[in-house]
Amino acid sequence: MRHWIAAAPALLLIACGDEGGGGGGGGGGSAVALQPGQWETTVQFTSIEVPGAPPEAVAQMREMLSRPQTRSECITPEQAANPTGNMMSAGGGSNCQFGESTFAGGAIRVRGTCQQPGQGSAQMSMDGSYTATTMQAQISSEMQAPPNAPKGGPQSVRMSGTFTSRRTGECAAG
C-alpha cells in the first residue's frame, strides 16, 4: 500500500478540523451557537474505494478505517464563537482552501480542497446539522496521488462516512 494512501484518512481528519466539536457551531450571527466545553467527536468511514489497489490491501484498509475513531477535546469560548475559523486553521501542514463553508442556523455545508506536500490532494465535503451541544454530518473525500506517485498503482482513494460530535460537560481545570 502506497504511503499517500495510508495518509488519506489523516488528511481528511485534519481538513475536517479534528477539533472535537470545534467544526460545528454558530458564528456569523446564527441563532444557534456552539457551547464551549468538553466535546467528544466520532468519525466512522462506511465506504472506502481504492481503484487499482490489490483486493487484500483494500480489505485491510476497510478493516482499519471502518472502526469508529473517537477523540475528546476542550473547546474554548473563542473556538466555539468561531468554529469556521477553527476548521480553516486546523490543517497544520496542509494547505486547505474552502470554496464553501456554512455553519449557520443549524446547517453545516462545507466544500474544500487540501494539499499536503508529498501526499497529494484531497477534495472534501461535509453536510449536516448542529445544535448548541451536538453535531452530525455526512463526510466524503476523494484523495488524489501526488504527481510523483508511481503509475500503474492506485491513483485515488474515495471515502465516505459519518461525523458526530457532542458536548460532554465542562472542560477539566488546568
C-alpha atoms as a PDB file:
ATOM      1  CA  MET A   1       0.000   0.000   0.000  1.00  0.00           C
ATOM      2  CA  ARG A   2       1.442   3.353  -1.019  1.00  0.00           C
ATOM      3  CA  HIS A   3       2.409   5.944   1.616  1.00  0.00           C
ATOM      4  CA  TRP A   4      -0.045   8.523   0.246  1.00  0.00           C
ATOM      5  CA  ILE A   5      -2.919   6.024   0.501  1.00  0.00           C
ATOM      6  CA  ALA A   6      -2.142   5.447   4.169  1.00  0.00           C
ATOM      7  CA  ALA A   7      -2.204   9.229   4.707  1.00  0.00           C
ATOM      8  CA  ALA A   8      -5.702   9.654   3.210  1.00  0.00           C
ATOM      9  CA  PRO A   9      -7.720   9.316   6.445  1.00  0.00           C
ATOM     10  CA  ALA A  10      -5.323  11.558   8.359  1.00  0.00           C
ATOM     11  CA  LEU A  11      -5.594  14.277   5.726  1.00  0.00           C
ATOM     12  CA  LEU A  12      -9.388  14.070   5.829  1.00  0.00           C
ATOM     13  CA  LEU A  13      -9.474  14.372   9.614  1.00  0.00           C
ATOM     14  CA  ILE A  14      -7.024  17.290   9.582  1.00  0.00           C
ATOM     15  CA  ALA A  15      -9.005  19.115   6.962  1.00  0.00           C
ATOM     16  CA  CYS A  16     -12.308  18.475   8.717  1.00  0.00           C
ATOM     17  CA  GLY A  17     -10.940  20.190  11.768  1.00  0.00           C
ATOM     18  CA  ASP A  18     -10.453  17.212  14.085  1.00  0.00           C
ATOM     19  CA  GLU A  19     -11.189  19.783  16.781  1.00  0.00           C
ATOM     20  CA  GLY A  20     -13.624  17.859  18.913  1.00  0.00           C
ATOM     21  CA  GLY A  21     -16.785  19.913  18.450  1.00  0.00           C
ATOM     22  CA  GLY A  22     -14.846  22.839  17.022  1.00  0.00           C
ATOM     23  CA  GLY A  23     -16.041  22.288  13.500  1.00  0.00           C
ATOM     24  CA  GLY A  24     -19.724  22.788  14.103  1.00  0.00           C
ATOM     25  CA  GLY A  25     -21.223  25.834  15.629  1.00  0.00           C
ATOM     26  CA  GLY A  26     -22.863  29.123  15.108  1.00  0.00           C
ATOM     27  CA  GLY A  27     -20.797  32.111  14.154  1.00  0.00           C
ATOM     28  CA  GLY A  28     -21.864  34.627  11.568  1.00  0.00           C
ATOM     29  CA  GLY A  29     -24.838  35.850  13.621  1.00  0.00           C
ATOM     30  CA  SER A  30     -26.526  32.461  13.716  1.00  0.00           C
ATOM     31  CA  ALA A  31     -29.349  31.893  16.206  1.00  0.00           C
ATOM     32  CA  VAL A  32     -27.687  28.589  17.182  1.00  0.00           C
ATOM     33  CA  ALA A  33     -24.340  28.948  18.941  1.00  0.00           C
ATOM     34  CA  LEU A  34     -21.954  26.148  19.812  1.00  0.00           C
ATOM     35  CA  GLN A  35     -21.396  25.832  23.570  1.00  0.00           C
ATOM     36  CA  PRO A  36     -17.812  25.809  24.835  1.00  0.00           C
ATOM     37  CA  GLY A  37     -16.765  22.830  26.937  1.00  0.00           C
ATOM     38  CA  GLN A  38     -15.541  19.252  26.545  1.00  0.00           C
ATOM     39  CA  TRP A  39     -16.627  17.691  23.239  1.00  0.00           C
ATOM     40  CA  GLU A  40     -16.402  14.100  22.038  1.00  0.00           C
ATOM     41  CA  THR A  41     -16.194  13.518  18.291  1.00  0.00           C
ATOM     42  CA  THR A  42     -16.500  10.216  16.433  1.00  0.00           C
ATOM     43  CA  VAL A  43     -15.653   9.678  12.763  1.00  0.00           C
ATOM     44  CA  GLN A  44     -16.561   6.414  11.071  1.00  0.00           C
ATOM     45  CA  PHE A  45     -15.977   5.612   7.415  1.00  0.00           C
ATOM     46  CA  THR A  46     -18.681   3.434   5.859  1.00  0.00           C
ATOM     47  CA  SER A  47     -17.404   3.337   2.268  1.00  0.00           C
ATOM     48  CA  ILE A  48     -13.790   3.085   1.116  1.00  0.00           C
ATOM     49  CA  GLU A  49     -12.804   2.643  -2.528  1.00  0.00           C
ATOM     50  CA  VAL A  50      -9.259   2.399  -3.883  1.00  0.00           C
ATOM     51  CA  PRO A  51      -9.469   1.741  -7.640  1.00  0.00           C
ATOM     52  CA  GLY A  52      -6.448  -0.207  -8.870  1.00  0.00           C
ATOM     53  CA  ALA A  53      -5.302  -1.401  -5.436  1.00  0.00           C
ATOM     54  CA  PRO A  54      -4.935  -5.117  -4.689  1.00  0.00           C
ATOM     55  CA  PRO A  55      -8.123  -6.500  -3.082  1.00  0.00           C
ATOM     56  CA  GLU A  56      -6.246  -7.602   0.051  1.00  0.00           C
ATOM     57  CA  ALA A  57      -4.859  -4.055   0.548  1.00  0.00           C
ATOM     58  CA  VAL A  58      -8.354  -2.576   0.148  1.00  0.00           C
ATOM     59  CA  ALA A  59      -9.786  -5.113   2.614  1.00  0.00           C
ATOM     60  CA  GLN A  60      -7.083  -4.229   5.147  1.00  0.00           C
ATOM     61  CA  MET A  61      -7.761  -0.507   4.743  1.00  0.00           C
ATOM     62  CA  ARG A  62     -11.533  -1.048   5.109  1.00  0.00           C
ATOM     63  CA  GLU A  63     -10.998  -3.143   8.245  1.00  0.00           C
ATOM     64  CA  MET A  64      -8.847  -0.435   9.834  1.00  0.00           C
ATOM     65  CA  LEU A  65     -10.943   2.576   8.822  1.00  0.00           C
ATOM     66  CA  SER A  66     -14.418   1.144   9.411  1.00  0.00           C
ATOM     67  CA  ARG A  67     -13.785   1.210  13.175  1.00  0.00           C
ATOM     68  CA  PRO A  68     -15.127   4.359  14.857  1.00  0.00           C
ATOM     69  CA  GLN A  69     -12.362   6.857  15.691  1.00  0.00           C
ATOM     70  CA  THR A  70     -13.239   8.915  18.778  1.00  0.00           C
ATOM     71  CA  ARG A  71     -11.489  11.930  20.210  1.00  0.00           C
ATOM     72  CA  SER A  72     -12.281  14.250  23.117  1.00  0.00           C
ATOM     73  CA  GLU A  73     -11.167  17.868  23.248  1.00  0.00           C
ATOM     74  CA  CYS A  74     -11.837  21.050  25.198  1.00  0.00           C
ATOM     75  CA  ILE A  75     -13.376  23.797  23.058  1.00  0.00           C
ATOM     76  CA  THR A  76     -12.744  27.306  24.383  1.00  0.00           C
ATOM     77  CA  PRO A  77     -15.308  30.128  24.216  1.00  0.00           C
ATOM     78  CA  GLU A  78     -13.216  31.703  21.428  1.00  0.00           C
ATOM     79  CA  GLN A  79     -13.224  28.474  19.398  1.00  0.00           C
ATOM     80  CA  ALA A  80     -16.967  27.994  19.970  1.00  0.00           C
ATOM     81  CA  ALA A  81     -17.620  31.559  18.769  1.00  0.00           C
ATOM     82  CA  ASN A  82     -15.696  30.985  15.524  1.00  0.00           C
ATOM     83  CA  PRO A  83     -15.921  27.289  14.526  1.00  0.00           C
ATOM     84  CA  THR A  84     -15.337  28.053  10.852  1.00  0.00           C
ATOM     85  CA  GLY A  85     -12.055  29.785  11.734  1.00  0.00           C
ATOM     86  CA  ASN A  86     -11.007  26.708  13.720  1.00  0.00           C
ATOM     87  CA  MET A  87     -11.642  24.469  10.740  1.00  0.00           C
ATOM     88  CA  MET A  88      -9.724  26.681   8.366  1.00  0.00           C
ATOM     89  CA  SER A  89      -6.689  26.878  10.648  1.00  0.00           C
ATOM     90  CA  ALA A  90      -6.669  23.245  11.803  1.00  0.00           C
ATOM     91  CA  GLY A  91      -4.761  21.938   8.817  1.00  0.00           C
ATOM     92  CA  GLY A  92      -1.301  22.156  10.351  1.00  0.00           C
ATOM     93  CA  GLY A  93       0.966  21.099   7.482  1.00  0.00           C
ATOM     94  CA  SER A  94      -1.890  21.101   4.976  1.00  0.00           C
ATOM     95  CA  ASN A  95      -2.824  23.925   2.646  1.00  0.00           C
ATOM     96  CA  CYS A  96      -6.621  23.974   2.577  1.00  0.00           C
ATOM     97  CA  GLN A  97      -8.938  26.142   0.500  1.00  0.00           C
ATOM     98  CA  PHE A  98     -12.655  26.183   1.311  1.00  0.00           C
ATOM     99  CA  GLY A  99     -14.946  27.203  -1.543  1.00  0.00           C
ATOM    100  CA  GLU A 100     -17.985  26.913   0.706  1.00  0.00           C
ATOM    101  CA  SER A 101     -18.121  26.954   4.483  1.00  0.00           C
ATOM    102  CA  THR A 102     -21.547  27.356   6.038  1.00  0.00           C
ATOM    103  CA  PHE A 103     -22.227  26.938   9.762  1.00  0.00           C
ATOM    104  CA  ALA A 104     -25.441  28.887  10.274  1.00  0.00           C
ATOM    105  CA  GLY A 105     -28.953  28.343  11.524  1.00  0.00           C
ATOM    106  CA  GLY A 106     -28.221  24.744  12.471  1.00  0.00           C
ATOM    107  CA  ALA A 107     -26.967  23.790   8.986  1.00  0.00           C
ATOM    108  CA  ILE A 108     -23.490  22.626   8.002  1.00  0.00           C
ATOM    109  CA  ARG A 109     -22.271  22.674   4.410  1.00  0.00           C
ATOM    110  CA  VAL A 110     -18.522  22.642   3.728  1.00  0.00           C
ATOM    111  CA  ARG A 111     -16.582  22.051   0.500  1.00  0.00           C
ATOM    112  CA  GLY A 112     -12.807  22.213   0.399  1.00  0.00           C
ATOM    113  CA  THR A 113      -9.574  21.063  -1.166  1.00  0.00           C
ATOM    114  CA  CYS A 114      -6.367  20.408   0.759  1.00  0.00           C
ATOM    115  CA  GLN A 115      -2.818  19.867  -0.480  1.00  0.00           C
ATOM    116  CA  GLN A 116      -0.274  18.056   1.668  1.00  0.00           C
ATOM    117  CA  PRO A 117       3.333  18.092   0.429  1.00  0.00           C
ATOM    118  CA  GLY A 118       4.347  14.677  -0.900  1.00  0.00           C
ATOM    119  CA  GLN A 119       0.967  13.108  -0.116  1.00  0.00           C
ATOM    120  CA  GLY A 120      -1.324  14.504  -2.796  1.00  0.00           C
ATOM    121  CA  SER A 121      -4.534  16.451  -2.609  1.00  0.00           C
ATOM    122  CA  ALA A 122      -7.977  15.802  -1.190  1.00  0.00           C
ATOM    123  CA  GLN A 123     -11.372  17.197  -2.066  1.00  0.00           C
ATOM    124  CA  MET A 124     -13.775  17.025   0.848  1.00  0.00           C
ATOM    125  CA  SER A 125     -17.380  17.727   1.684  1.00  0.00           C
ATOM    126  CA  MET A 126     -19.409  17.784   4.882  1.00  0.00           C
ATOM    127  CA  ASP A 127     -23.203  18.135   5.026  1.00  0.00           C
ATOM    128  CA  GLY A 128     -25.138  18.028   8.251  1.00  0.00           C
ATOM    129  CA  SER A 129     -26.753  19.828  11.130  1.00  0.00           C
ATOM    130  CA  TYR A 130     -25.909  21.059  14.602  1.00  0.00           C
ATOM    131  CA  THR A 131     -27.378  22.336  17.847  1.00  0.00           C
ATOM    132  CA  ALA A 132     -25.637  24.097  20.715  1.00  0.00           C
ATOM    133  CA  THR A 133     -24.475  20.708  22.071  1.00  0.00           C
ATOM    134  CA  THR A 134     -24.472  18.262  19.137  1.00  0.00           C
ATOM    135  CA  MET A 135     -23.329  17.966  15.562  1.00  0.00           C
ATOM    136  CA  GLN A 136     -23.847  15.293  12.918  1.00  0.00           C
ATOM    137  CA  ALA A 137     -22.741  15.228   9.311  1.00  0.00           C
ATOM    138  CA  GLN A 138     -22.086  13.037   6.317  1.00  0.00           C
ATOM    139  CA  ILE A 139     -18.489  13.408   5.175  1.00  0.00           C
ATOM    140  CA  SER A 140     -16.809  12.401   1.947  1.00  0.00           C
ATOM    141  CA  SER A 141     -13.360  12.770   0.480  1.00  0.00           C
ATOM    142  CA  GLU A 142     -11.502  11.882  -2.662  1.00  0.00           C
ATOM    143  CA  MET A 143      -7.733  11.943  -2.382  1.00  0.00           C
ATOM    144  CA  GLN A 144      -5.527  12.039  -5.462  1.00  0.00           C
ATOM    145  CA  ALA A 145      -1.988  10.664  -5.580  1.00  0.00           C
ATOM    146  CA  PRO A 146       0.865  13.176  -5.708  1.00  0.00           C
ATOM    147  CA  PRO A 147       2.338  13.854  -9.166  1.00  0.00           C
ATOM    148  CA  ASN A 148       5.414  11.728  -8.352  1.00  0.00           C
ATOM    149  CA  ALA A 149       3.393   8.617  -7.376  1.00  0.00           C
ATOM    150  CA  PRO A 150       4.293   5.521  -9.401  1.00  0.00           C
ATOM    151  CA  LYS A 151       1.968   4.943 -12.338  1.00  0.00           C
ATOM    152  CA  GLY A 152       0.115   1.652 -12.624  1.00  0.00           C
ATOM    153  CA  GLY A 153      -0.944   1.613  -8.981  1.00  0.00           C
ATOM    154  CA  PRO A 154      -3.875   3.237  -7.250  1.00  0.00           C
ATOM    155  CA  GLN A 155      -4.180   6.943  -8.054  1.00  0.00           C
ATOM    156  CA  SER A 156      -7.143   7.815  -5.829  1.00  0.00           C
ATOM    157  CA  VAL A 157      -8.891   6.925  -2.580  1.00  0.00           C
ATOM    158  CA  ARG A 158     -12.588   7.680  -2.063  1.00  0.00           C
ATOM    159  CA  MET A 159     -14.055   7.560   1.429  1.00  0.00           C
ATOM    160  CA  SER A 160     -17.375   8.499   2.953  1.00  0.00           C
ATOM    161  CA  GLY A 161     -18.865   8.180   6.369  1.00  0.00           C
ATOM    162  CA  THR A 162     -20.275   9.952   9.384  1.00  0.00           C
ATOM    163  CA  PHE A 163     -19.045  12.628  11.761  1.00  0.00           C
ATOM    164  CA  THR A 164     -20.820  13.029  15.106  1.00  0.00           C
ATOM    165  CA  SER A 165     -19.901  15.291  17.977  1.00  0.00           C
ATOM    166  CA  ARG A 166     -21.494  16.050  21.332  1.00  0.00           C
ATOM    167  CA  ARG A 167     -20.736  18.242  24.295  1.00  0.00           C
ATOM    168  CA  THR A 168     -19.994  16.027  27.307  1.00  0.00           C
ATOM    169  CA  GLY A 169     -19.554  18.675  30.007  1.00  0.00           C
ATOM    170  CA  GLU A 170     -17.233  21.374  31.234  1.00  0.00           C
ATOM    171  CA  CYS A 171     -13.526  21.328  30.408  1.00  0.00           C
ATOM    172  CA  ALA A 172     -11.230  19.935  33.075  1.00  0.00           C
ATOM    173  CA  ALA A 173      -9.471  22.602  35.150  1.00  0.00           C
ATOM    174  CA  GLY A 174      -5.901  23.373  34.129  1.00  0.00           C
END
